[in-house]
Amino acid sequence: MTVYAYVRIYVFVNKIRVALYSRVSTRDKGQDVENQLLQLREFCARQEYDVVREYADHASGKRSDREAFLELFRAASRSEFDIVLFWSLDRFSREGVFDTLQHLQRLTSYGIGYRSFTEQYLDSCGIFRDAVISILAAVAKQERVRISERTVAGLERARAQGRIGGRPRVVCDRKRVLEMRQIGKSLGQISTELNLAKTTVSRIVKTYAG
């Protein structure tokens, strides 16, 4: 048997195992995952891939707790297939570039490849893999910066409005607390009447009472 013949037999016996992932949102009126799956199956047949599992979600791509999506990753962690094939990246995830990149890298950490049917450049086994990952990583970094900037801006606005850490600033009249305590009011009564935490009332009494 020649080496060439041996290699061809090896490829035939060891077909690439593929998992198909499809998703439509509940807002996608008139769309069905079957439309995506038909094209994915035909593509796998032409490539002589062995489709071992199909996963389909009817849910928003902005969440990662999709039932089929979670099961896909559980199976990936057990190496039940070699590649995940999805119709397009936004069908796989719409959580933002950073989270989507994390999902792709998680597949890679399991030794699982990924491929987009409509975006030929998005192929973990393709020649553009490193370039695409670099671009996604750069965009993800910018996304994290924007999130950080929005968080800082939100905190600054909260401080300007008299709030720290997103919680209302406690405003109390220490003099009123002490006066009520002097006439015999209990800590609980003062707390209720002034709408203050009992621990706050106790701290004021201990700190400022003569």
N, C-alpha and C. Protein backbone atom coordinates (compact mmCIF):
# COMPACT_ATOMS: atom_id res chain seq x y z
N MET A 1 0.85 -1.21 0.00
CA MET A 1 0.00 0.00 0.00
C MET A 1 0.88 1.24 0.00
N THR A 2 0.60 2.14 -0.91
CA THR A 2 1.39 3.36 -0.98
C THR A 2 1.02 4.30 0.16
N VAL A 3 1.91 5.25 0.41
CA VAL A 3 1.64 6.26 1.43
C VAL A 3 0.41 7.06 1.05
N TYR A 4 0.28 7.38 -0.24
CA TYR A 4 -0.86 8.17 -0.71
C TYR A 4 -2.17 7.46 -0.42
N ALA A 5 -2.22 6.16 -0.70
CA ALA A 5 -3.43 5.39 -0.45
C ALA A 5 -3.73 5.33 1.04
N TYR A 6 -2.71 5.21 1.87
CA TYR A 6 -2.89 5.12 3.32
C TYR A 6 -3.49 6.41 3.86
N VAL A 7 -3.00 7.52 3.37
CA VAL A 7 -3.51 8.81 3.82
C VAL A 7 -4.97 8.97 3.44
N ARG A 8 -5.34 8.58 2.23
CA ARG A 8 -6.72 8.72 1.78
C ARG A 8 -7.65 7.87 2.63
N ILE A 9 -7.23 6.68 2.99
CA ILE A 9 -8.05 5.81 3.85
C ILE A 9 -8.20 6.44 5.22
N TYR A 10 -7.13 7.01 5.74
CA TYR A 10 -7.15 7.64 7.07
C TYR A 10 -8.14 8.80 7.10
N VAL A 11 -8.14 9.63 6.08
CA VAL A 11 -9.06 10.77 6.02
C VAL A 11 -10.50 10.28 5.92
N PHE A 12 -10.72 9.23 5.15
CA PHE A 12 -12.07 8.71 4.98
C PHE A 12 -12.62 8.16 6.29
N VAL A 13 -11.79 7.42 6.99
CA VAL A 13 -12.23 6.79 8.24
C VAL A 13 -12.40 7.83 9.34
N ASN A 14 -11.52 8.82 9.35
CA ASN A 14 -11.54 9.81 10.41
C ASN A 14 -12.12 11.13 9.89
N LYS A 15 -13.40 11.13 9.57
CA LYS A 15 -14.05 12.34 9.11
C LYS A 15 -14.09 13.38 10.23
N ILE A 16 -14.07 14.64 9.83
CA ILE A 16 -14.18 15.73 10.80
C ILE A 16 -15.59 15.75 11.37
N ARG A 17 -15.67 15.71 12.68
CA ARG A 17 -16.97 15.72 13.36
C ARG A 17 -17.40 17.17 13.59
N VAL A 18 -18.60 17.49 13.15
CA VAL A 18 -19.08 18.87 13.22
C VAL A 18 -20.36 18.97 14.03
N ALA A 19 -20.43 20.05 14.82
CA ALA A 19 -21.66 20.40 15.53
C ALA A 19 -22.23 21.65 14.87
N LEU A 20 -23.49 21.64 14.54
CA LEU A 20 -24.14 22.79 13.93
C LEU A 20 -24.84 23.60 15.01
N TYR A 21 -24.67 24.92 14.93
CA TYR A 21 -25.40 25.79 15.87
C TYR A 21 -26.21 26.81 15.07
N SER A 22 -27.48 26.89 15.40
CA SER A 22 -28.36 27.86 14.74
C SER A 22 -29.17 28.59 15.80
N ARG A 23 -29.56 29.80 15.46
CA ARG A 23 -30.35 30.60 16.43
C ARG A 23 -31.20 31.62 15.69
N VAL A 24 -32.42 31.76 16.17
CA VAL A 24 -33.27 32.88 15.75
C VAL A 24 -33.84 33.49 17.02
N SER A 25 -34.01 34.80 16.97
CA SER A 25 -34.59 35.49 18.12
C SER A 25 -36.10 35.36 18.08
N THR A 26 -36.72 35.47 19.23
CA THR A 26 -38.19 35.45 19.29
C THR A 26 -38.77 36.65 18.55
N ARG A 27 -37.92 37.67 18.30
CA ARG A 27 -38.36 38.85 17.57
C ARG A 27 -38.21 38.70 16.06
N ASP A 28 -37.52 37.64 15.63
CA ASP A 28 -37.30 37.42 14.19
C ASP A 28 -38.54 36.79 13.57
N LYS A 29 -39.50 37.61 13.24
CA LYS A 29 -40.77 37.13 12.72
C LYS A 29 -40.56 36.42 11.38
N GLY A 30 -41.18 35.25 11.27
CA GLY A 30 -41.13 34.50 10.02
C GLY A 30 -39.85 33.74 9.78
N GLN A 31 -38.89 33.81 10.70
CA GLN A 31 -37.64 33.09 10.52
C GLN A 31 -37.66 31.78 11.31
N ASP A 32 -36.91 30.83 10.82
CA ASP A 32 -36.87 29.52 11.45
C ASP A 32 -35.43 29.02 11.41
N VAL A 33 -35.02 28.34 12.47
CA VAL A 33 -33.65 27.79 12.50
C VAL A 33 -33.44 26.78 11.38
N GLU A 34 -34.52 26.17 10.90
CA GLU A 34 -34.39 25.16 9.86
C GLU A 34 -33.81 25.75 8.58
N ASN A 35 -34.09 27.03 8.33
CA ASN A 35 -33.53 27.69 7.15
C ASN A 35 -32.00 27.71 7.22
N GLN A 36 -31.48 27.99 8.40
CA GLN A 36 -30.03 27.99 8.60
C GLN A 36 -29.47 26.57 8.53
N LEU A 37 -30.16 25.66 9.20
CA LEU A 37 -29.67 24.28 9.29
C LEU A 37 -29.59 23.60 7.92
N LEU A 38 -30.54 23.88 7.04
CA LEU A 38 -30.52 23.28 5.70
C LEU A 38 -29.24 23.65 4.96
N GLN A 39 -28.87 24.92 5.02
CA GLN A 39 -27.65 25.37 4.35
C GLN A 39 -26.40 24.80 5.01
N LEU A 40 -26.42 24.71 6.32
CA LEU A 40 -25.27 24.16 7.04
C LEU A 40 -25.09 22.68 6.74
N ARG A 41 -26.19 21.94 6.67
CA ARG A 41 -26.10 20.51 6.35
C ARG A 41 -25.56 20.29 4.95
N GLU A 42 -26.06 21.09 3.99
CA GLU A 42 -25.61 20.96 2.61
C GLU A 42 -24.12 21.27 2.50
N PHE A 43 -23.67 22.28 3.23
CA PHE A 43 -22.25 22.65 3.23
C PHE A 43 -21.41 21.49 3.77
N CYS A 44 -21.85 20.90 4.86
CA CYS A 44 -21.11 19.78 5.47
C CYS A 44 -21.06 18.58 4.53
N ALA A 45 -22.14 18.35 3.81
CA ALA A 45 -22.17 17.23 2.86
C ALA A 45 -21.14 17.44 1.76
N ARG A 46 -21.02 18.69 1.27
CA ARG A 46 -20.04 18.98 0.22
C ARG A 46 -18.61 18.84 0.74
N GLN A 47 -18.41 19.19 2.01
CA GLN A 47 -17.08 19.11 2.61
C GLN A 47 -16.76 17.71 3.15
N GLU A 48 -17.77 16.83 3.10
CA GLU A 48 -17.66 15.47 3.65
C GLU A 48 -17.39 15.51 5.15
N TYR A 49 -18.03 16.45 5.82
CA TYR A 49 -17.98 16.52 7.27
C TYR A 49 -19.04 15.57 7.84
N ASP A 50 -18.78 15.08 9.02
CA ASP A 50 -19.73 14.21 9.71
C ASP A 50 -20.48 15.04 10.76
N VAL A 51 -21.75 15.35 10.51
CA VAL A 51 -22.54 16.14 11.45
C VAL A 51 -22.99 15.23 12.60
N VAL A 52 -22.45 15.47 13.78
CA VAL A 52 -22.75 14.61 14.92
C VAL A 52 -23.81 15.20 15.85
N ARG A 53 -23.93 16.52 15.88
CA ARG A 53 -24.92 17.16 16.74
C ARG A 53 -25.44 18.43 16.10
N GLU A 54 -26.70 18.75 16.42
CA GLU A 54 -27.29 20.01 15.98
C GLU A 54 -27.89 20.71 17.20
N TYR A 55 -27.56 21.98 17.34
CA TYR A 55 -28.05 22.78 18.46
C TYR A 55 -28.82 23.97 17.92
N ALA A 56 -29.98 24.24 18.48
CA ALA A 56 -30.80 25.34 18.00
C ALA A 56 -31.43 26.07 19.17
N ASP A 57 -31.35 27.39 19.13
CA ASP A 57 -31.96 28.22 20.16
C ASP A 57 -32.97 29.17 19.53
N HIS A 58 -34.07 29.39 20.24
CA HIS A 58 -35.03 30.44 19.89
C HIS A 58 -34.94 31.46 21.03
N ALA A 59 -33.93 32.30 20.95
CA ALA A 59 -33.67 33.24 22.05
C ALA A 59 -32.78 34.37 21.55
N SER A 60 -32.70 35.40 22.36
CA SER A 60 -31.85 36.54 22.02
C SER A 60 -30.38 36.14 22.09
N GLY A 61 -29.61 36.62 21.13
CA GLY A 61 -28.18 36.33 21.12
C GLY A 61 -27.40 37.19 22.08
N LYS A 62 -28.09 38.10 22.78
CA LYS A 62 -27.43 38.99 23.73
C LYS A 62 -27.26 38.34 25.10
N ARG A 63 -27.75 37.09 25.22
CA ARG A 63 -27.61 36.36 26.48
C ARG A 63 -26.81 35.08 26.24
N SER A 64 -26.02 34.70 27.22
CA SER A 64 -25.22 33.47 27.08
C SER A 64 -25.84 32.28 27.81
N ASP A 65 -27.01 32.50 28.44
CA ASP A 65 -27.64 31.41 29.17
C ASP A 65 -28.68 30.68 28.31
N ARG A 66 -28.47 30.74 26.98
CA ARG A 66 -29.34 30.01 26.07
C ARG A 66 -29.14 28.50 26.27
N GLU A 67 -30.23 27.78 26.30
CA GLU A 67 -30.17 26.35 26.65
C GLU A 67 -29.27 25.56 25.71
N ALA A 68 -29.50 25.67 24.41
CA ALA A 68 -28.69 24.90 23.45
C ALA A 68 -27.24 25.40 23.43
N PHE A 69 -27.05 26.70 23.61
CA PHE A 69 -25.71 27.29 23.63
C PHE A 69 -24.90 26.71 24.79
N LEU A 70 -25.52 26.61 25.96
CA LEU A 70 -24.84 26.04 27.12
C LEU A 70 -24.51 24.56 26.89
N GLU A 71 -25.46 23.83 26.30
CA GLU A 71 -25.22 22.42 26.04
C GLU A 71 -24.10 22.23 25.01
N LEU A 72 -24.02 23.14 24.05
CA LEU A 72 -22.94 23.11 23.06
C LEU A 72 -21.58 23.16 23.74
N PHE A 73 -21.43 24.05 24.70
CA PHE A 73 -20.14 24.19 25.38
C PHE A 73 -19.87 23.02 26.32
N ARG A 74 -20.91 22.46 26.91
CA ARG A 74 -20.70 21.27 27.75
C ARG A 74 -20.17 20.12 26.88
N ALA A 75 -20.77 19.96 25.70
CA ALA A 75 -20.32 18.90 24.80
C ALA A 75 -18.91 19.19 24.27
N ALA A 76 -18.63 20.47 24.02
CA ALA A 76 -17.30 20.85 23.54
C ALA A 76 -16.24 20.51 24.58
N SER A 77 -16.56 20.72 25.85
CA SER A 77 -15.60 20.42 26.91
C SER A 77 -15.31 18.92 27.00
N ARG A 78 -16.23 18.11 26.46
CA ARG A 78 -16.04 16.66 26.44
C ARG A 78 -15.50 16.18 25.09
N SER A 79 -15.13 17.12 24.22
CA SER A 79 -14.57 16.81 22.90
C SER A 79 -15.47 15.89 22.08
N GLU A 80 -16.77 16.18 22.08
CA GLU A 80 -17.72 15.35 21.34
C GLU A 80 -17.77 15.69 19.86
N PHE A 81 -17.06 16.73 19.43
CA PHE A 81 -16.97 17.09 18.02
C PHE A 81 -15.67 17.86 17.83
N ASP A 82 -15.35 18.14 16.58
CA ASP A 82 -14.09 18.82 16.26
C ASP A 82 -14.26 20.29 15.91
N ILE A 83 -15.39 20.61 15.28
CA ILE A 83 -15.65 21.98 14.81
C ILE A 83 -17.09 22.37 15.10
N VAL A 84 -17.29 23.65 15.43
CA VAL A 84 -18.64 24.22 15.52
C VAL A 84 -18.86 25.06 14.27
N LEU A 85 -19.93 24.77 13.56
CA LEU A 85 -20.27 25.53 12.36
C LEU A 85 -21.55 26.31 12.62
N PHE A 86 -21.49 27.62 12.44
CA PHE A 86 -22.69 28.45 12.61
C PHE A 86 -22.92 29.26 11.35
N TRP A 87 -24.14 29.74 11.16
CA TRP A 87 -24.50 30.42 9.93
C TRP A 87 -23.78 31.76 9.79
N SER A 88 -23.72 32.53 10.89
CA SER A 88 -22.98 33.79 10.93
C SER A 88 -22.63 34.09 12.38
N LEU A 89 -21.67 34.96 12.60
CA LEU A 89 -21.21 35.23 13.95
C LEU A 89 -22.32 35.81 14.82
N ASP A 90 -23.20 36.64 14.24
CA ASP A 90 -24.26 37.22 15.06
C ASP A 90 -25.34 36.21 15.40
N ARG A 91 -25.37 35.08 14.69
CA ARG A 91 -26.27 33.98 15.09
C ARG A 91 -25.66 33.23 16.25
N PHE A 92 -24.35 33.21 16.32
CA PHE A 92 -23.64 32.53 17.41
C PHE A 92 -23.73 33.35 18.69
N SER A 93 -23.47 34.65 18.59
CA SER A 93 -23.54 35.52 19.77
C SER A 93 -23.68 36.97 19.34
N ARG A 94 -24.49 37.71 20.12
CA ARG A 94 -24.63 39.15 19.91
C ARG A 94 -24.37 39.89 21.23
N GLU A 95 -23.50 39.30 22.04
CA GLU A 95 -23.22 39.85 23.37
C GLU A 95 -22.18 40.97 23.36
N GLY A 96 -21.69 41.32 22.19
CA GLY A 96 -20.60 42.29 22.10
C GLY A 96 -19.32 41.57 21.74
N VAL A 97 -18.38 42.31 21.19
CA VAL A 97 -17.15 41.70 20.67
C VAL A 97 -16.35 41.00 21.77
N PHE A 98 -16.25 41.64 22.94
CA PHE A 98 -15.44 41.06 24.01
C PHE A 98 -15.98 39.70 24.44
N ASP A 99 -17.28 39.63 24.75
CA ASP A 99 -17.87 38.36 25.20
C ASP A 99 -17.85 37.31 24.09
N THR A 100 -18.11 37.75 22.86
CA THR A 100 -18.08 36.81 21.74
C THR A 100 -16.69 36.23 21.55
N LEU A 101 -15.67 37.09 21.65
CA LEU A 101 -14.29 36.62 21.55
C LEU A 101 -13.97 35.63 22.66
N GLN A 102 -14.48 35.88 23.85
CA GLN A 102 -14.26 34.96 24.97
C GLN A 102 -14.85 33.58 24.66
N HIS A 103 -16.03 33.56 24.04
CA HIS A 103 -16.66 32.28 23.67
C HIS A 103 -15.80 31.53 22.66
N LEU A 104 -15.30 32.24 21.66
CA LEU A 104 -14.47 31.60 20.63
C LEU A 104 -13.17 31.07 21.24
N GLN A 105 -12.57 31.85 22.13
CA GLN A 105 -11.33 31.41 22.77
C GLN A 105 -11.57 30.23 23.71
N ARG A 106 -12.75 30.19 24.28
CA ARG A 106 -13.10 29.05 25.14
C ARG A 106 -13.18 27.77 24.32
N LEU A 107 -13.77 27.87 23.11
CA LEU A 107 -13.80 26.70 22.23
C LEU A 107 -12.38 26.26 21.90
N THR A 108 -11.53 27.23 21.59
CA THR A 108 -10.13 26.93 21.27
C THR A 108 -9.44 26.23 22.42
N SER A 109 -9.73 26.67 23.66
CA SER A 109 -9.11 26.05 24.83
C SER A 109 -9.52 24.59 24.99
N TYR A 110 -10.69 24.24 24.44
CA TYR A 110 -11.15 22.85 24.48
C TYR A 110 -10.60 22.04 23.31
N GLY A 111 -9.87 22.71 22.41
CA GLY A 111 -9.35 22.03 21.23
C GLY A 111 -10.39 21.92 20.14
N ILE A 112 -11.41 22.77 20.19
CA ILE A 112 -12.50 22.75 19.22
C ILE A 112 -12.36 23.93 18.26
N GLY A 113 -12.50 23.67 16.96
CA GLY A 113 -12.44 24.73 15.98
C GLY A 113 -13.82 25.36 15.77
N TYR A 114 -13.87 26.42 15.01
CA TYR A 114 -15.15 27.07 14.70
C TYR A 114 -15.08 27.63 13.29
N ARG A 115 -16.26 27.76 12.70
CA ARG A 115 -16.31 28.25 11.32
C ARG A 115 -17.66 28.90 11.06
N SER A 116 -17.64 30.02 10.36
CA SER A 116 -18.87 30.70 9.97
C SER A 116 -19.19 30.36 8.52
N PHE A 117 -20.44 30.02 8.25
CA PHE A 117 -20.84 29.65 6.90
C PHE A 117 -20.85 30.86 5.97
N THR A 118 -21.33 31.99 6.44
CA THR A 118 -21.46 33.18 5.58
C THR A 118 -20.25 34.09 5.61
N GLU A 119 -19.36 33.89 6.58
CA GLU A 119 -18.18 34.74 6.72
C GLU A 119 -16.94 33.86 6.58
N GLN A 120 -16.49 33.68 5.36
CA GLN A 120 -15.43 32.73 5.07
C GLN A 120 -14.13 33.04 5.80
N TYR A 121 -13.91 34.31 6.11
CA TYR A 121 -12.69 34.69 6.81
C TYR A 121 -12.70 34.24 8.27
N LEU A 122 -13.90 33.94 8.80
CA LEU A 122 -14.01 33.55 10.20
C LEU A 122 -13.93 32.03 10.31
N ASP A 123 -12.71 31.54 10.29
CA ASP A 123 -12.45 30.11 10.27
C ASP A 123 -11.19 29.86 11.10
N SER A 124 -11.34 29.17 12.21
CA SER A 124 -10.20 28.94 13.10
C SER A 124 -9.12 28.09 12.46
N CYS A 125 -9.47 27.42 11.37
CA CYS A 125 -8.48 26.60 10.66
C CYS A 125 -8.03 27.26 9.36
N GLY A 126 -8.55 28.47 9.09
CA GLY A 126 -8.26 29.13 7.83
C GLY A 126 -7.00 29.98 7.89
N ILE A 127 -6.62 30.52 6.73
CA ILE A 127 -5.38 31.30 6.64
C ILE A 127 -5.52 32.67 7.28
N PHE A 128 -6.76 33.13 7.48
CA PHE A 128 -6.96 34.45 8.05
C PHE A 128 -7.20 34.40 9.56
N ARG A 129 -7.06 33.22 10.15
CA ARG A 129 -7.40 33.04 11.56
C ARG A 129 -6.70 34.07 12.47
N ASP A 130 -5.38 34.15 12.38
CA ASP A 130 -4.63 35.03 13.28
C ASP A 130 -5.00 36.49 13.08
N ALA A 131 -5.22 36.88 11.82
CA ALA A 131 -5.58 38.27 11.53
C ALA A 131 -6.95 38.60 12.11
N VAL A 132 -7.90 37.68 11.94
CA VAL A 132 -9.25 37.92 12.44
C VAL A 132 -9.26 38.00 13.96
N ILE A 133 -8.55 37.09 14.61
CA ILE A 133 -8.49 37.10 16.07
C ILE A 133 -7.85 38.38 16.58
N SER A 134 -6.81 38.85 15.89
CA SER A 134 -6.15 40.10 16.28
C SER A 134 -7.11 41.28 16.17
N ILE A 135 -7.89 41.30 15.10
CA ILE A 135 -8.86 42.38 14.92
C ILE A 135 -9.94 42.32 15.99
N LEU A 136 -10.46 41.13 16.25
CA LEU A 136 -11.49 40.97 17.28
C LEU A 136 -10.95 41.36 18.65
N ALA A 137 -9.71 40.98 18.93
CA ALA A 137 -9.10 41.32 20.22
C ALA A 137 -8.95 42.83 20.37
N ALA A 138 -8.55 43.51 19.27
CA ALA A 138 -8.39 44.96 19.32
C ALA A 138 -9.74 45.65 19.55
N VAL A 139 -10.77 45.18 18.86
CA VAL A 139 -12.11 45.75 19.03
C VAL A 139 -12.62 45.46 20.44
N ALA A 140 -12.35 44.26 20.95
CA ALA A 140 -12.77 43.90 22.29
C ALA A 140 -12.11 44.79 23.33
N LYS A 141 -10.83 45.11 23.10
CA LYS A 141 -10.12 45.99 24.02
C LYS A 141 -10.77 47.37 24.05
N GLN A 142 -11.11 47.88 22.88
CA GLN A 142 -11.78 49.18 22.81
C GLN A 142 -13.15 49.12 23.49
N GLU A 143 -13.81 47.99 23.36
CA GLU A 143 -15.12 47.82 23.99
C GLU A 143 -14.98 47.86 25.50
N ARG A 144 -13.94 47.21 26.03
CA ARG A 144 -13.71 47.23 27.48
C ARG A 144 -13.41 48.65 27.95
N VAL A 145 -12.64 49.39 27.14
CA VAL A 145 -12.31 50.78 27.51
C VAL A 145 -13.58 51.62 27.56
N ARG A 146 -14.46 51.44 26.58
CA ARG A 146 -15.70 52.21 26.56
C ARG A 146 -16.57 51.87 27.76
N ILE A 147 -16.64 50.58 28.12
CA ILE A 147 -17.42 50.17 29.29
C ILE A 147 -16.85 50.81 30.55
N SER A 148 -15.52 50.80 30.66
CA SER A 148 -14.86 51.39 31.82
C SER A 148 -15.14 52.88 31.88
N GLU A 149 -15.08 53.55 30.73
CA GLU A 149 -15.33 54.99 30.68
C GLU A 149 -16.77 55.31 31.08
N ARG A 150 -17.70 54.47 30.64
CA ARG A 150 -19.11 54.70 31.00
C ARG A 150 -19.33 54.49 32.50
N THR A 151 -18.61 53.51 33.06
CA THR A 151 -18.73 53.25 34.49
C THR A 151 -18.21 54.43 35.30
N VAL A 152 -17.04 54.94 34.90
CA VAL A 152 -16.46 56.10 35.59
C VAL A 152 -17.38 57.31 35.46
N ALA A 153 -17.93 57.52 34.27
CA ALA A 153 -18.83 58.65 34.05
C ALA A 153 -20.07 58.52 34.92
N GLY A 154 -20.57 57.29 35.07
CA GLY A 154 -21.74 57.06 35.91
C GLY A 154 -21.46 57.36 37.37
N LEU A 155 -20.27 56.96 37.84
CA LEU A 155 -19.90 57.23 39.23
C LEU A 155 -19.73 58.73 39.47
N GLU A 156 -19.14 59.43 38.49
CA GLU A 156 -18.97 60.88 38.63
C GLU A 156 -20.33 61.57 38.68
N ARG A 157 -21.24 61.11 37.87
CA ARG A 157 -22.58 61.69 37.88
C ARG A 157 -23.28 61.41 39.20
N ALA A 158 -23.08 60.20 39.74
CA ALA A 158 -23.69 59.85 41.02
C ALA A 158 -23.16 60.73 42.13
N ARG A 159 -21.84 60.98 42.11
CA ARG A 159 -21.25 61.85 43.13
C ARG A 159 -21.79 63.28 43.00
N ALA A 160 -21.95 63.74 41.78
CA ALA A 160 -22.46 65.09 41.55
C ALA A 160 -23.90 65.22 42.05
N GLN A 161 -24.63 64.12 42.03
CA GLN A 161 -26.01 64.13 42.49
C GLN A 161 -26.14 63.74 43.97
N GLY A 162 -24.99 63.66 44.65
CA GLY A 162 -25.02 63.35 46.07
C GLY A 162 -25.09 61.88 46.39
N ARG A 163 -24.71 61.05 45.41
CA ARG A 163 -24.71 59.60 45.64
C ARG A 163 -23.31 59.07 45.47
N ILE A 164 -22.94 58.09 46.27
CA ILE A 164 -21.62 57.46 46.19
C ILE A 164 -21.82 55.97 45.97
N GLY A 165 -21.15 55.46 44.95
CA GLY A 165 -21.27 54.03 44.65
C GLY A 165 -22.66 53.64 44.21
N GLY A 166 -23.42 54.60 43.69
CA GLY A 166 -24.75 54.29 43.21
C GLY A 166 -25.80 54.22 44.29
N ARG A 167 -25.44 54.47 45.54
CA ARG A 167 -26.40 54.41 46.64
C ARG A 167 -26.61 55.81 47.19
N PRO A 168 -27.85 56.13 47.61
CA PRO A 168 -28.13 57.47 48.12
C PRO A 168 -27.29 57.78 49.35
N ARG A 169 -26.82 58.99 49.43
CA ARG A 169 -26.07 59.43 50.61
C ARG A 169 -27.04 59.61 51.78
N VAL A 170 -26.67 59.09 52.91
CA VAL A 170 -27.50 59.20 54.11
C VAL A 170 -27.36 60.60 54.70
N VAL A 171 -28.47 61.30 54.78
CA VAL A 171 -28.47 62.65 55.35
C VAL A 171 -29.23 62.61 56.67
N CYS A 172 -28.59 63.01 57.71
CA CYS A 172 -29.25 62.96 59.01
C CYS A 172 -28.88 64.19 59.84
N ASP A 173 -29.74 64.53 60.78
CA ASP A 173 -29.55 65.66 61.67
C ASP A 173 -29.07 65.12 63.01
N ARG A 174 -27.75 65.21 63.23
CA ARG A 174 -27.21 64.66 64.47
C ARG A 174 -27.84 65.31 65.70
N LYS A 175 -28.07 66.61 65.59
CA LYS A 175 -28.65 67.35 66.72
C LYS A 175 -30.02 66.79 67.08
N ARG A 176 -30.83 66.52 66.04
CA ARG A 176 -32.16 65.97 66.27
C ARG A 176 -32.09 64.59 66.91
N VAL A 177 -31.15 63.78 66.47
CA VAL A 177 -30.97 62.44 67.03
C VAL A 177 -30.65 62.53 68.51
N LEU A 178 -29.72 63.42 68.86
CA LEU A 178 -29.30 63.57 70.26
C LEU A 178 -30.42 64.13 71.13
N GLU A 179 -31.20 65.07 70.58
CA GLU A 179 -32.31 65.63 71.34
C GLU A 179 -33.35 64.56 71.65
N MET A 180 -33.67 63.75 70.67
CA MET A 180 -34.66 62.68 70.87
C MET A 180 -34.14 61.66 71.88
N ARG A 181 -32.83 61.41 71.85
CA ARG A 181 -32.26 60.47 72.79
C ARG A 181 -32.32 61.02 74.21
N GLN A 182 -32.11 62.34 74.36
CA GLN A 182 -32.11 62.98 75.68
C GLN A 182 -33.49 62.96 76.32
N ILE A 183 -34.53 62.96 75.52
CA ILE A 183 -35.88 62.94 76.11
C ILE A 183 -36.39 61.51 76.30
N GLY A 184 -35.49 60.55 76.12
CA GLY A 184 -35.84 59.17 76.46
C GLY A 184 -36.26 58.27 75.33
N LYS A 185 -36.14 58.74 74.10
CA LYS A 185 -36.51 57.90 72.96
C LYS A 185 -35.50 56.76 72.80
N SER A 186 -36.01 55.59 72.47
CA SER A 186 -35.11 54.45 72.25
C SER A 186 -34.46 54.56 70.88
N LEU A 187 -33.38 53.79 70.69
CA LEU A 187 -32.70 53.80 69.39
C LEU A 187 -33.65 53.37 68.27
N GLY A 188 -34.50 52.40 68.58
CA GLY A 188 -35.46 51.91 67.59
C GLY A 188 -36.48 52.97 67.21
N GLN A 189 -36.96 53.72 68.20
CA GLN A 189 -37.94 54.78 67.94
C GLN A 189 -37.32 55.90 67.09
N ILE A 190 -36.09 56.29 67.45
CA ILE A 190 -35.40 57.34 66.68
C ILE A 190 -35.19 56.88 65.24
N SER A 191 -34.79 55.63 65.11
CA SER A 191 -34.54 55.06 63.78
C SER A 191 -35.79 55.11 62.92
N THR A 192 -36.91 54.73 63.50
CA THR A 192 -38.17 54.71 62.75
C THR A 192 -38.65 56.12 62.39
N GLU A 193 -38.62 57.03 63.37
CA GLU A 193 -39.14 58.37 63.14
C GLU A 193 -38.30 59.18 62.16
N LEU A 194 -36.98 58.97 62.17
CA LEU A 194 -36.10 59.74 61.29
C LEU A 194 -35.72 58.96 60.02
N ASN A 195 -36.25 57.74 59.92
CA ASN A 195 -35.97 56.90 58.75
C ASN A 195 -34.47 56.68 58.57
N LEU A 196 -33.84 56.32 59.69
CA LEU A 196 -32.41 56.02 59.67
C LEU A 196 -32.18 54.59 60.11
N ALA A 197 -31.06 54.04 59.68
CA ALA A 197 -30.70 52.70 60.14
C ALA A 197 -30.38 52.76 61.63
N LYS A 198 -30.75 51.72 62.33
CA LYS A 198 -30.52 51.69 63.77
C LYS A 198 -29.03 51.78 64.09
N THR A 199 -28.21 51.19 63.23
CA THR A 199 -26.75 51.24 63.45
C THR A 199 -26.24 52.68 63.31
N THR A 200 -26.87 53.45 62.41
CA THR A 200 -26.47 54.85 62.24
C THR A 200 -26.81 55.65 63.48
N VAL A 201 -28.02 55.43 64.00
CA VAL A 201 -28.45 56.13 65.22
C VAL A 201 -27.53 55.78 66.38
N SER A 202 -27.20 54.50 66.50
CA SER A 202 -26.34 54.05 67.61
C SER A 202 -24.96 54.69 67.51
N ARG A 203 -24.42 54.77 66.28
CA ARG A 203 -23.10 55.36 66.08
C ARG A 203 -23.10 56.84 66.46
N ILE A 204 -24.14 57.57 66.09
CA ILE A 204 -24.24 58.99 66.42
C ILE A 204 -24.31 59.19 67.93
N VAL A 205 -25.12 58.39 68.57
CA VAL A 205 -25.28 58.50 70.04
C VAL A 205 -23.95 58.22 70.74
N LYS A 206 -23.27 57.16 70.33
CA LYS A 206 -22.01 56.80 70.97
C LYS A 206 -20.93 57.85 70.70
N THR A 207 -20.95 58.45 69.51
CA THR A 207 -19.89 59.41 69.15
C THR A 207 -20.11 60.79 69.72
N TYR A 208 -21.36 61.24 69.77
CA TYR A 208 -21.61 62.64 70.12
C TYR A 208 -22.31 62.84 71.46
N ALA A 209 -22.83 61.82 72.08
CA ALA A 209 -23.49 61.99 73.38
C ALA A 209 -22.45 62.29 74.44
N GLY A 210 -22.77 63.21 75.33
CA GLY A 210 -21.80 63.59 76.36
C GLY A 210 -21.60 62.54 77.42
